[in-house]
Amino acid sequence: MELERKVYADTATDAEAAEYQQLSELLTSSLETRVTEVAARLGGSQ
């Protein structure tokens, strides 16, 4: 959360901003994968 605060306050270093971006992409990807898995189990498609 501290990293996110720094990014939104525009006080993050370039390295911190890059790390935040990587984490954001990873978490978004994981969430999308999970939604797809659940939808498949329910017999739907997303």
Protein backbone atom coordinates (compact mmCIF):
# COMPACT_ATOMS: atom_id res chain seq x y z
CA MET A 1 0.00 0.00 0.00
CA GLU A 2 2.89 2.36 0.69
CA LEU A 3 4.12 1.88 -2.85
CA GLU A 4 0.68 2.70 -4.21
CA ARG A 5 0.52 5.85 -2.08
CA LYS A 6 3.86 7.01 -3.43
CA VAL A 7 2.76 6.41 -7.02
CA TYR A 8 -0.49 8.33 -6.59
CA ALA A 9 1.26 11.14 -4.68
CA ASP A 10 3.80 11.33 -7.52
CA THR A 11 6.67 10.81 -5.08
CA ALA A 12 7.72 7.34 -6.28
CA THR A 13 11.08 6.85 -7.91
CA ASP A 14 11.22 5.49 -11.45
CA ALA A 15 12.11 2.06 -10.04
CA GLU A 16 9.17 2.16 -7.61
CA ALA A 17 6.79 3.21 -10.36
CA ALA A 18 8.04 0.35 -12.55
CA GLU A 19 7.62 -2.12 -9.68
CA TYR A 20 4.09 -0.86 -9.07
CA GLN A 21 3.25 -1.27 -12.77
CA GLN A 22 4.58 -4.85 -12.77
CA LEU A 23 2.62 -5.74 -9.66
CA SER A 24 -0.51 -4.16 -11.08
CA GLU A 25 -0.24 -6.18 -14.28
CA LEU A 26 0.40 -9.38 -12.34
CA LEU A 27 -2.59 -8.86 -10.07
CA THR A 28 -4.87 -7.92 -12.95
CA SER A 29 -3.76 -10.97 -14.89
CA SER A 30 -4.33 -13.19 -11.87
CA LEU A 31 -7.81 -11.79 -11.33
CA GLU A 32 -8.76 -12.26 -14.98
CA THR A 33 -7.47 -15.83 -14.88
CA ARG A 34 -9.51 -16.55 -11.76
CA VAL A 35 -12.68 -15.13 -13.32
CA THR A 36 -12.16 -17.32 -16.36
CA GLU A 37 -11.64 -20.40 -14.17
CA VAL A 38 -14.79 -19.73 -12.15
CA ALA A 39 -16.84 -19.05 -15.27
CA ALA A 40 -15.64 -22.33 -16.79
CA ARG A 41 -16.68 -24.21 -13.66
CA LEU A 42 -20.10 -22.61 -13.82
CA GLY A 43 -20.46 -23.56 -17.46
CA GLY A 44 -20.29 -20.00 -18.76
CA SER A 45 -17.69 -18.13 -20.71
CA GLN A 46 -16.10 -14.78 -20.07
